[in-house]
Amino acid sequence: KQQMIKYKGTTLYPPAMHDILNDFSGIQCYQIVIHS
């Protein structure tokens, strides 16, 4: 709940972004940074 993101009018949770990034075999590692 505390990691819910309102981004450009869309509600996002980090797990959905993890799934997208894990879909790319070319990504060696990643980090999602959220700020105000």
PDB file of all heavy atoms in Angstrom:
ATOM      1  N   LYS A   1       0.823  -1.207   0.000  1.00  0.00           N
ATOM      2  CA  LYS A   1       0.000   0.000   0.000  1.00  0.00           C
ATOM      3  C   LYS A   1       0.858   1.258   0.000  1.00  0.00           C
ATOM      4  O   LYS A   1       0.579   2.219  -0.717  1.00  0.00           O
ATOM      5  CB  LYS A   1      -0.933  -0.016   1.211  1.00  0.00           C
ATOM      6  CG  LYS A   1      -1.984   1.076   1.173  1.00  0.00           C
ATOM      7  CD  LYS A   1      -3.032   0.869   2.243  1.00  0.00           C
ATOM      8  CE  LYS A   1      -4.133   1.922   2.119  1.00  0.00           C
ATOM      9  NZ  LYS A   1      -5.189   1.732   3.131  1.00  0.00           N
ATOM     10  N   GLN A   2       1.937   1.253   0.803  1.00  0.00           N
ATOM     11  CA  GLN A   2       2.772   2.447   0.894  1.00  0.00           C
ATOM     12  C   GLN A   2       3.605   2.663  -0.367  1.00  0.00           C
ATOM     13  O   GLN A   2       4.187   3.736  -0.564  1.00  0.00           O
ATOM     14  CB  GLN A   2       3.690   2.358   2.101  1.00  0.00           C
ATOM     15  CG  GLN A   2       4.747   1.256   2.009  1.00  0.00           C
ATOM     16  CD  GLN A   2       5.489   1.075   3.304  1.00  0.00           C
ATOM     17  OE1 GLN A   2       4.887   0.914   4.360  1.00  0.00           O
ATOM     18  NE2 GLN A   2       6.801   1.086   3.245  1.00  0.00           N
ATOM     19  N   GLN A   3       3.696   1.633  -1.237  1.00  0.00           N
ATOM     20  CA  GLN A   3       4.466   1.769  -2.470  1.00  0.00           C
ATOM     21  C   GLN A   3       3.587   2.003  -3.691  1.00  0.00           C
ATOM     22  O   GLN A   3       4.065   1.956  -4.825  1.00  0.00           O
ATOM     23  CB  GLN A   3       5.335   0.523  -2.679  1.00  0.00           C
ATOM     24  CG  GLN A   3       6.447   0.407  -1.643  1.00  0.00           C
ATOM     25  CD  GLN A   3       7.209  -0.895  -1.726  1.00  0.00           C
ATOM     26  OE1 GLN A   3       6.818  -1.822  -2.435  1.00  0.00           O
ATOM     27  NE2 GLN A   3       8.306  -0.982  -1.000  1.00  0.00           N
ATOM     28  N   MET A   4       2.296   2.250  -3.477  1.00  0.00           N
ATOM     29  CA  MET A   4       1.428   2.583  -4.597  1.00  0.00           C
ATOM     30  C   MET A   4       1.913   3.879  -5.240  1.00  0.00           C
ATOM     31  O   MET A   4       2.266   4.837  -4.550  1.00  0.00           O
ATOM     32  CB  MET A   4      -0.019   2.741  -4.132  1.00  0.00           C
ATOM     33  CG  MET A   4      -0.999   2.948  -5.265  1.00  0.00           C
ATOM     34  SD  MET A   4      -2.688   3.243  -4.682  1.00  0.00           S
ATOM     35  CE  MET A   4      -2.570   4.970  -4.206  1.00  0.00           C
ATOM     36  N   ILE A   5       1.928   3.917  -6.557  1.00  0.00           N
ATOM     37  CA  ILE A   5       2.449   5.060  -7.301  1.00  0.00           C
ATOM     38  C   ILE A   5       1.327   5.628  -8.173  1.00  0.00           C
ATOM     39  O   ILE A   5       0.632   4.871  -8.864  1.00  0.00           O
ATOM     40  CB  ILE A   5       3.630   4.640  -8.201  1.00  0.00           C
ATOM     41  CG1 ILE A   5       4.686   3.882  -7.389  1.00  0.00           C
ATOM     42  CG2 ILE A   5       4.244   5.848  -8.903  1.00  0.00           C
ATOM     43  CD1 ILE A   5       5.580   3.012  -8.239  1.00  0.00           C
ATOM     44  N   LYS A   6       1.154   6.925  -8.131  1.00  0.00           N
ATOM     45  CA  LYS A   6       0.268   7.611  -9.070  1.00  0.00           C
ATOM     46  C   LYS A   6       1.154   8.313 -10.090  1.00  0.00           C
ATOM     47  O   LYS A   6       1.794   9.329  -9.793  1.00  0.00           O
ATOM     48  CB  LYS A   6      -0.618   8.616  -8.342  1.00  0.00           C
ATOM     49  CG  LYS A   6      -1.689   7.987  -7.479  1.00  0.00           C
ATOM     50  CD  LYS A   6      -2.745   7.243  -8.285  1.00  0.00           C
ATOM     51  CE  LYS A   6      -3.664   8.177  -9.019  1.00  0.00           C
ATOM     52  NZ  LYS A   6      -4.779   7.471  -9.673  1.00  0.00           N
ATOM     53  N   TYR A   7       1.235   7.747 -11.287  1.00  0.00           N
ATOM     54  CA  TYR A   7       2.157   8.260 -12.304  1.00  0.00           C
ATOM     55  C   TYR A   7       1.392   8.627 -13.564  1.00  0.00           C
ATOM     56  O   TYR A   7       0.812   7.764 -14.225  1.00  0.00           O
ATOM     57  CB  TYR A   7       3.222   7.207 -12.602  1.00  0.00           C
ATOM     58  CG  TYR A   7       4.324   7.663 -13.532  1.00  0.00           C
ATOM     59  CD1 TYR A   7       5.193   8.671 -13.155  1.00  0.00           C
ATOM     60  CD2 TYR A   7       4.499   7.080 -14.778  1.00  0.00           C
ATOM     61  CE1 TYR A   7       6.209   9.100 -13.990  1.00  0.00           C
ATOM     62  CE2 TYR A   7       5.510   7.493 -15.632  1.00  0.00           C
ATOM     63  CZ  TYR A   7       6.360   8.510 -15.228  1.00  0.00           C
ATOM     64  OH  TYR A   7       7.367   8.926 -16.073  1.00  0.00           O
ATOM     65  N   LYS A   8       1.353   9.928 -13.855  1.00  0.00           N
ATOM     66  CA  LYS A   8       0.665  10.438 -15.041  1.00  0.00           C
ATOM     67  C   LYS A   8      -0.788   9.947 -15.092  1.00  0.00           C
ATOM     68  O   LYS A   8      -1.299   9.524 -16.139  1.00  0.00           O
ATOM     69  CB  LYS A   8       1.411  10.043 -16.318  1.00  0.00           C
ATOM     70  CG  LYS A   8       2.816  10.645 -16.398  1.00  0.00           C
ATOM     71  CD  LYS A   8       3.539  10.241 -17.668  1.00  0.00           C
ATOM     72  CE  LYS A   8       4.940  10.851 -17.704  1.00  0.00           C
ATOM     73  NZ  LYS A   8       5.696  10.450 -18.914  1.00  0.00           N
ATOM     74  N   GLY A   9      -1.433   9.962 -13.907  1.00  0.00           N
ATOM     75  CA  GLY A   9      -2.844   9.583 -13.827  1.00  0.00           C
ATOM     76  C   GLY A   9      -3.104   8.099 -13.733  1.00  0.00           C
ATOM     77  O   GLY A   9      -4.257   7.670 -13.643  1.00  0.00           O
ATOM     78  N   THR A  10      -2.041   7.284 -13.725  1.00  0.00           N
ATOM     79  CA  THR A  10      -2.186   5.826 -13.675  1.00  0.00           C
ATOM     80  C   THR A  10      -1.675   5.303 -12.338  1.00  0.00           C
ATOM     81  O   THR A  10      -0.610   5.712 -11.862  1.00  0.00           O
ATOM     82  CB  THR A  10      -1.393   5.166 -14.819  1.00  0.00           C
ATOM     83  OG1 THR A  10      -1.903   5.627 -16.070  1.00  0.00           O
ATOM     84  CG2 THR A  10      -1.512   3.647 -14.763  1.00  0.00           C
ATOM     85  N   THR A  11      -2.431   4.394 -11.721  1.00  0.00           N
ATOM     86  CA  THR A  11      -2.006   3.764 -10.474  1.00  0.00           C
ATOM     87  C   THR A  11      -1.134   2.560 -10.786  1.00  0.00           C
ATOM     88  O   THR A  11      -1.544   1.655 -11.526  1.00  0.00           O
ATOM     89  CB  THR A  11      -3.225   3.324  -9.643  1.00  0.00           C
ATOM     90  OG1 THR A  11      -4.011   4.471  -9.305  1.00  0.00           O
ATOM     91  CG2 THR A  11      -2.777   2.636  -8.362  1.00  0.00           C
ATOM     92  N   LEU A  12       0.079   2.537 -10.220  1.00  0.00           N
ATOM     93  CA  LEU A  12       1.022   1.462 -10.468  1.00  0.00           C
ATOM     94  C   LEU A  12       1.505   0.867  -9.159  1.00  0.00           C
ATOM     95  O   LEU A  12       1.564   1.558  -8.137  1.00  0.00           O
ATOM     96  CB  LEU A  12       2.248   1.978 -11.243  1.00  0.00           C
ATOM     97  CG  LEU A  12       2.038   2.684 -12.578  1.00  0.00           C
ATOM     98  CD1 LEU A  12       3.387   3.185 -13.094  1.00  0.00           C
ATOM     99  CD2 LEU A  12       1.399   1.749 -13.581  1.00  0.00           C
ATOM    100  N   TYR A  13       1.867  -0.413  -9.212  1.00  0.00           N
ATOM    101  CA  TYR A  13       2.567  -1.065  -8.115  1.00  0.00           C
ATOM    102  C   TYR A  13       3.872  -1.630  -8.672  1.00  0.00           C
ATOM    103  O   TYR A  13       3.927  -2.090  -9.817  1.00  0.00           O
ATOM    104  CB  TYR A  13       1.741  -2.207  -7.512  1.00  0.00           C
ATOM    105  CG  TYR A  13       0.592  -1.747  -6.647  1.00  0.00           C
ATOM    106  CD1 TYR A  13      -0.716  -1.800  -7.114  1.00  0.00           C
ATOM    107  CD2 TYR A  13       0.808  -1.276  -5.362  1.00  0.00           C
ATOM    108  CE1 TYR A  13      -1.778  -1.378  -6.321  1.00  0.00           C
ATOM    109  CE2 TYR A  13      -0.237  -0.870  -4.556  1.00  0.00           C
ATOM    110  CZ  TYR A  13      -1.529  -0.926  -5.042  1.00  0.00           C
ATOM    111  OH  TYR A  13      -2.565  -0.515  -4.251  1.00  0.00           O
ATOM    112  N   PRO A  14       4.950  -1.626  -7.888  1.00  0.00           N
ATOM    113  CA  PRO A  14       6.248  -2.118  -8.375  1.00  0.00           C
ATOM    114  C   PRO A  14       6.230  -3.516  -8.992  1.00  0.00           C
ATOM    115  O   PRO A  14       6.934  -3.739  -9.985  1.00  0.00           O
ATOM    116  CB  PRO A  14       7.130  -2.065  -7.119  1.00  0.00           C
ATOM    117  CG  PRO A  14       6.577  -0.914  -6.342  1.00  0.00           C
ATOM    118  CD  PRO A  14       5.081  -1.004  -6.551  1.00  0.00           C
ATOM    119  N   PRO A  15       5.456  -4.511  -8.456  1.00  0.00           N
ATOM    120  CA  PRO A  15       5.507  -5.838  -9.086  1.00  0.00           C
ATOM    121  C   PRO A  15       5.183  -5.832 -10.576  1.00  0.00           C
ATOM    122  O   PRO A  15       5.748  -6.628 -11.339  1.00  0.00           O
ATOM    123  CB  PRO A  15       4.463  -6.637  -8.291  1.00  0.00           C
ATOM    124  CG  PRO A  15       4.483  -6.007  -6.942  1.00  0.00           C
ATOM    125  CD  PRO A  15       4.657  -4.537  -7.200  1.00  0.00           C
ATOM    126  N   ALA A  16       4.280  -4.949 -11.002  1.00  0.00           N
ATOM    127  CA  ALA A  16       3.948  -4.885 -12.434  1.00  0.00           C
ATOM    128  C   ALA A  16       5.149  -4.418 -13.241  1.00  0.00           C
ATOM    129  O   ALA A  16       5.387  -4.881 -14.368  1.00  0.00           O
ATOM    130  CB  ALA A  16       2.766  -3.941 -12.655  1.00  0.00           C
ATOM    131  N   MET A  17       5.938  -3.498 -12.677  1.00  0.00           N
ATOM    132  CA  MET A  17       7.136  -3.021 -13.372  1.00  0.00           C
ATOM    133  C   MET A  17       8.232  -4.084 -13.364  1.00  0.00           C
ATOM    134  O   MET A  17       8.977  -4.231 -14.338  1.00  0.00           O
ATOM    135  CB  MET A  17       7.619  -1.718 -12.733  1.00  0.00           C
ATOM    136  CG  MET A  17       6.670  -0.549 -12.960  1.00  0.00           C
ATOM    137  SD  MET A  17       7.336   1.039 -12.395  1.00  0.00           S
ATOM    138  CE  MET A  17       7.000   0.905 -10.642  1.00  0.00           C
ATOM    139  N   HIS A  18       8.331  -4.838 -12.270  1.00  0.00           N
ATOM    140  CA  HIS A  18       9.298  -5.936 -12.226  1.00  0.00           C
ATOM    141  C   HIS A  18       9.023  -6.932 -13.355  1.00  0.00           C
ATOM    142  O   HIS A  18       9.944  -7.403 -14.020  1.00  0.00           O
ATOM    143  CB  HIS A  18       9.220  -6.664 -10.882  1.00  0.00           C
ATOM    144  CG  HIS A  18       9.704  -5.860  -9.719  1.00  0.00           C
ATOM    145  ND1 HIS A  18      10.844  -5.091  -9.768  1.00  0.00           N
ATOM    146  CD2 HIS A  18       9.213  -5.702  -8.463  1.00  0.00           C
ATOM    147  CE1 HIS A  18      11.035  -4.505  -8.599  1.00  0.00           C
ATOM    148  NE2 HIS A  18      10.052  -4.851  -7.790  1.00  0.00           N
ATOM    149  N   ASP A  19       7.750  -7.269 -13.572  1.00  0.00           N
ATOM    150  CA  ASP A  19       7.399  -8.222 -14.618  1.00  0.00           C
ATOM    151  C   ASP A  19       7.856  -7.738 -15.987  1.00  0.00           C
ATOM    152  O   ASP A  19       8.362  -8.519 -16.807  1.00  0.00           O
ATOM    153  CB  ASP A  19       5.883  -8.460 -14.636  1.00  0.00           C
ATOM    154  CG  ASP A  19       5.433  -9.421 -13.549  1.00  0.00           C
ATOM    155  OD1 ASP A  19       6.309 -10.062 -12.930  1.00  0.00           O
ATOM    156  OD2 ASP A  19       4.215  -9.537 -13.319  1.00  0.00           O
ATOM    157  N   ILE A  20       7.641  -6.464 -16.260  1.00  0.00           N
ATOM    158  CA  ILE A  20       8.025  -5.916 -17.563  1.00  0.00           C
ATOM    159  C   ILE A  20       9.541  -5.973 -17.748  1.00  0.00           C
ATOM    160  O   ILE A  20      10.044  -6.398 -18.801  1.00  0.00           O
ATOM    161  CB  ILE A  20       7.514  -4.468 -17.703  1.00  0.00           C
ATOM    162  CG1 ILE A  20       5.983  -4.478 -17.828  1.00  0.00           C
ATOM    163  CG2 ILE A  20       8.147  -3.769 -18.905  1.00  0.00           C
ATOM    164  CD1 ILE A  20       5.353  -3.108 -17.777  1.00  0.00           C
ATOM    165  N   LEU A  21      10.290  -5.578 -16.742  1.00  0.00           N
ATOM    166  CA  LEU A  21      11.752  -5.573 -16.848  1.00  0.00           C
ATOM    167  C   LEU A  21      12.314  -6.987 -16.931  1.00  0.00           C
ATOM    168  O   LEU A  21      13.299  -7.237 -17.628  1.00  0.00           O
ATOM    169  CB  LEU A  21      12.348  -4.814 -15.660  1.00  0.00           C
ATOM    170  CG  LEU A  21      12.031  -3.308 -15.661  1.00  0.00           C
ATOM    171  CD1 LEU A  21      12.323  -2.692 -14.295  1.00  0.00           C
ATOM    172  CD2 LEU A  21      12.822  -2.594 -16.741  1.00  0.00           C
ATOM    173  N   ASN A  22      11.691  -7.921 -16.221  1.00  0.00           N
ATOM    174  CA  ASN A  22      12.143  -9.315 -16.291  1.00  0.00           C
ATOM    175  C   ASN A  22      11.874  -9.944 -17.655  1.00  0.00           C
ATOM    176  O   ASN A  22      12.413 -10.999 -17.975  1.00  0.00           O
ATOM    177  CB  ASN A  22      11.464 -10.148 -15.196  1.00  0.00           C
ATOM    178  CG  ASN A  22      12.027  -9.869 -13.821  1.00  0.00           C
ATOM    179  OD1 ASN A  22      13.201  -9.555 -13.677  1.00  0.00           O
ATOM    180  ND2 ASN A  22      11.191  -9.971 -12.800  1.00  0.00           N
ATOM    181  N   ASP A  23      11.049  -9.295 -18.455  1.00  0.00           N
ATOM    182  CA  ASP A  23      10.715  -9.797 -19.787  1.00  0.00           C
ATOM    183  C   ASP A  23      11.860  -9.611 -20.780  1.00  0.00           C
ATOM    184  O   ASP A  23      11.853 -10.201 -21.860  1.00  0.00           O
ATOM    185  CB  ASP A  23       9.462  -9.079 -20.311  1.00  0.00           C
ATOM    186  CG  ASP A  23       8.647  -9.951 -21.251  1.00  0.00           C
ATOM    187  OD1 ASP A  23       8.944 -11.157 -21.330  1.00  0.00           O
ATOM    188  OD2 ASP A  23       7.736  -9.433 -21.903  1.00  0.00           O
ATOM    189  N   PHE A  24      12.844  -8.785 -20.425  1.00  0.00           N
ATOM    190  CA  PHE A  24      13.953  -8.500 -21.332  1.00  0.00           C
ATOM    191  C   PHE A  24      15.189  -9.307 -20.919  1.00  0.00           C
ATOM    192  O   PHE A  24      15.762  -9.082 -19.855  1.00  0.00           O
ATOM    193  CB  PHE A  24      14.295  -6.998 -21.306  1.00  0.00           C
ATOM    194  CG  PHE A  24      13.298  -6.142 -22.031  1.00  0.00           C
ATOM    195  CD1 PHE A  24      12.178  -5.653 -21.370  1.00  0.00           C
ATOM    196  CD2 PHE A  24      13.459  -5.836 -23.367  1.00  0.00           C
ATOM    197  CE1 PHE A  24      11.252  -4.868 -22.024  1.00  0.00           C
ATOM    198  CE2 PHE A  24      12.539  -5.054 -24.047  1.00  0.00           C
ATOM    199  CZ  PHE A  24      11.430  -4.567 -23.369  1.00  0.00           C
ATOM    200  N   SER A  25      15.577 -10.245 -21.784  1.00  0.00           N
ATOM    201  CA  SER A  25      16.747 -11.067 -21.472  1.00  0.00           C
ATOM    202  C   SER A  25      18.034 -10.257 -21.515  1.00  0.00           C
ATOM    203  O   SER A  25      19.049 -10.645 -20.925  1.00  0.00           O
ATOM    204  CB  SER A  25      16.843 -12.234 -22.469  1.00  0.00           C
ATOM    205  OG  SER A  25      16.908 -11.748 -23.805  1.00  0.00           O
ATOM    206  N   GLY A  26      18.012  -9.103 -22.201  1.00  0.00           N
ATOM    207  CA  GLY A  26      19.213  -8.291 -22.319  1.00  0.00           C
ATOM    208  C   GLY A  26      19.525  -7.445 -21.100  1.00  0.00           C
ATOM    209  O   GLY A  26      20.594  -6.836 -21.025  1.00  0.00           O
ATOM    210  N   ILE A  27      18.597  -7.381 -20.136  1.00  0.00           N
ATOM    211  CA  ILE A  27      18.840  -6.583 -18.931  1.00  0.00           C
ATOM    212  C   ILE A  27      19.628  -7.412 -17.921  1.00  0.00           C
ATOM    213  O   ILE A  27      19.189  -8.475 -17.492  1.00  0.00           O
ATOM    214  CB  ILE A  27      17.509  -6.100 -18.317  1.00  0.00           C
ATOM    215  CG1 ILE A  27      16.821  -5.106 -19.271  1.00  0.00           C
ATOM    216  CG2 ILE A  27      17.755  -5.439 -16.965  1.00  0.00           C
ATOM    217  CD1 ILE A  27      15.488  -4.595 -18.768  1.00  0.00           C
ATOM    218  N   GLN A  28      20.813  -6.905 -17.557  1.00  0.00           N
ATOM    219  CA  GLN A  28      21.662  -7.623 -16.600  1.00  0.00           C
ATOM    220  C   GLN A  28      21.200  -7.396 -15.163  1.00  0.00           C
ATOM    221  O   GLN A  28      21.190  -8.318 -14.354  1.00  0.00           O
ATOM    222  CB  GLN A  28      23.112  -7.165 -16.770  1.00  0.00           C
ATOM    223  CG  GLN A  28      23.695  -7.508 -18.142  1.00  0.00           C
ATOM    224  CD  GLN A  28      25.007  -6.798 -18.382  1.00  0.00           C
ATOM    225  OE1 GLN A  28      25.074  -5.575 -18.350  1.00  0.00           O
ATOM    226  NE2 GLN A  28      26.058  -7.568 -18.623  1.00  0.00           N
ATOM    227  N   CYS A  29      20.849  -6.172 -14.825  1.00  0.00           N
ATOM    228  CA  CYS A  29      20.240  -5.862 -13.542  1.00  0.00           C
ATOM    229  C   CYS A  29      19.557  -4.505 -13.649  1.00  0.00           C
ATOM    230  O   CYS A  29      19.829  -3.729 -14.576  1.00  0.00           O
ATOM    231  CB  CYS A  29      21.242  -5.890 -12.389  1.00  0.00           C
ATOM    232  SG  CYS A  29      22.467  -4.576 -12.398  1.00  0.00           S
ATOM    233  N   TYR A  30      18.644  -4.236 -12.716  1.00  0.00           N
ATOM    234  CA  TYR A  30      17.902  -2.980 -12.766  1.00  0.00           C
ATOM    235  C   TYR A  30      17.520  -2.543 -11.356  1.00  0.00           C
ATOM    236  O   TYR A  30      17.537  -3.330 -10.410  1.00  0.00           O
ATOM    237  CB  TYR A  30      16.633  -3.123 -13.621  1.00  0.00           C
ATOM    238  CG  TYR A  30      15.607  -4.069 -13.057  1.00  0.00           C
ATOM    239  CD1 TYR A  30      14.684  -3.645 -12.094  1.00  0.00           C
ATOM    240  CD2 TYR A  30      15.537  -5.399 -13.468  1.00  0.00           C
ATOM    241  CE1 TYR A  30      13.743  -4.512 -11.557  1.00  0.00           C
ATOM    242  CE2 TYR A  30      14.603  -6.277 -12.936  1.00  0.00           C
ATOM    243  CZ  TYR A  30      13.713  -5.823 -11.990  1.00  0.00           C
ATOM    244  OH  TYR A  30      12.788  -6.684 -11.458  1.00  0.00           O
ATOM    245  N   GLN A  31      17.146  -1.277 -11.257  1.00  0.00           N
ATOM    246  CA  GLN A  31      16.656  -0.733  -9.992  1.00  0.00           C
ATOM    247  C   GLN A  31      15.626   0.350 -10.300  1.00  0.00           C
ATOM    248  O   GLN A  31      15.882   1.251 -11.101  1.00  0.00           O
ATOM    249  CB  GLN A  31      17.799  -0.143  -9.176  1.00  0.00           C
ATOM    250  CG  GLN A  31      17.412   0.277  -7.764  1.00  0.00           C
ATOM    251  CD  GLN A  31      18.631   0.750  -6.976  1.00  0.00           C
ATOM    252  OE1 GLN A  31      19.132   1.845  -7.212  1.00  0.00           O
ATOM    253  NE2 GLN A  31      19.105  -0.097  -6.056  1.00  0.00           N
ATOM    254  N   ILE A  32      14.450   0.228  -9.683  1.00  0.00           N
ATOM    255  CA  ILE A  32      13.376   1.207  -9.844  1.00  0.00           C
ATOM    256  C   ILE A  32      13.498   2.232  -8.723  1.00  0.00           C
ATOM    257  O   ILE A  32      13.508   1.870  -7.540  1.00  0.00           O
ATOM    258  CB  ILE A  32      11.996   0.524  -9.794  1.00  0.00           C
ATOM    259  CG1 ILE A  32      11.880  -0.536 -10.894  1.00  0.00           C
ATOM    260  CG2 ILE A  32      10.875   1.556  -9.909  1.00  0.00           C
ATOM    261  CD1 ILE A  32      10.701  -1.475 -10.721  1.00  0.00           C
ATOM    262  N   VAL A  33      13.595   3.496  -9.087  1.00  0.00           N
ATOM    263  CA  VAL A  33      13.729   4.573  -8.103  1.00  0.00           C
ATOM    264  C   VAL A  33      12.491   5.465  -8.192  1.00  0.00           C
ATOM    265  O   VAL A  33      12.161   5.974  -9.272  1.00  0.00           O
ATOM    266  CB  VAL A  33      14.998   5.413  -8.350  1.00  0.00           C
ATOM    267  CG1 VAL A  33      15.108   6.523  -7.294  1.00  0.00           C
ATOM    268  CG2 VAL A  33      16.242   4.528  -8.320  1.00  0.00           C
ATOM    269  N   ILE A  34      11.791   5.629  -7.073  1.00  0.00           N
ATOM    270  CA  ILE A  34      10.594   6.473  -7.023  1.00  0.00           C
ATOM    271  C   ILE A  34      10.912   7.692  -6.162  1.00  0.00           C
ATOM    272  O   ILE A  34      11.475   7.558  -5.065  1.00  0.00           O
ATOM    273  CB  ILE A  34       9.404   5.710  -6.401  1.00  0.00           C
ATOM    274  CG1 ILE A  34       9.212   4.346  -7.063  1.00  0.00           C
ATOM    275  CG2 ILE A  34       8.117   6.534  -6.530  1.00  0.00           C
ATOM    276  CD1 ILE A  34       8.293   3.426  -6.293  1.00  0.00           C
ATOM    277  N   HIS A  35      10.570   8.871  -6.638  1.00  0.00           N
ATOM    278  CA  HIS A  35      10.792  10.081  -5.851  1.00  0.00           C
ATOM    279  C   HIS A  35       9.682  11.078  -6.134  1.00  0.00           C
ATOM    280  O   HIS A  35       8.850  10.871  -7.034  1.00  0.00           O
ATOM    281  CB  HIS A  35      12.164  10.695  -6.164  1.00  0.00           C
ATOM    282  CG  HIS A  35      12.308  11.197  -7.571  1.00  0.00           C
ATOM    283  ND1 HIS A  35      12.136  12.512  -7.920  1.00  0.00           N
ATOM    284  CD2 HIS A  35      12.599  10.539  -8.724  1.00  0.00           C
ATOM    285  CE1 HIS A  35      12.319  12.656  -9.219  1.00  0.00           C
ATOM    286  NE2 HIS A  35      12.598  11.477  -9.731  1.00  0.00           N
ATOM    287  N   SER A  36       9.636  12.133  -5.366  1.00  0.00           N
ATOM    288  CA  SER A  36       8.622  13.172  -5.549  1.00  0.00           C
ATOM    289  C   SER A  36       9.219  14.336  -6.339  1.00  0.00           C
ATOM    290  O   SER A  36      10.354  14.764  -6.080  1.00  0.00           O
ATOM    291  CB  SER A  36       8.120  13.682  -4.194  1.00  0.00           C
ATOM    292  OG  SER A  36       7.473  12.649  -3.481  1.00  0.00           O
TER     293      SER A  36
END
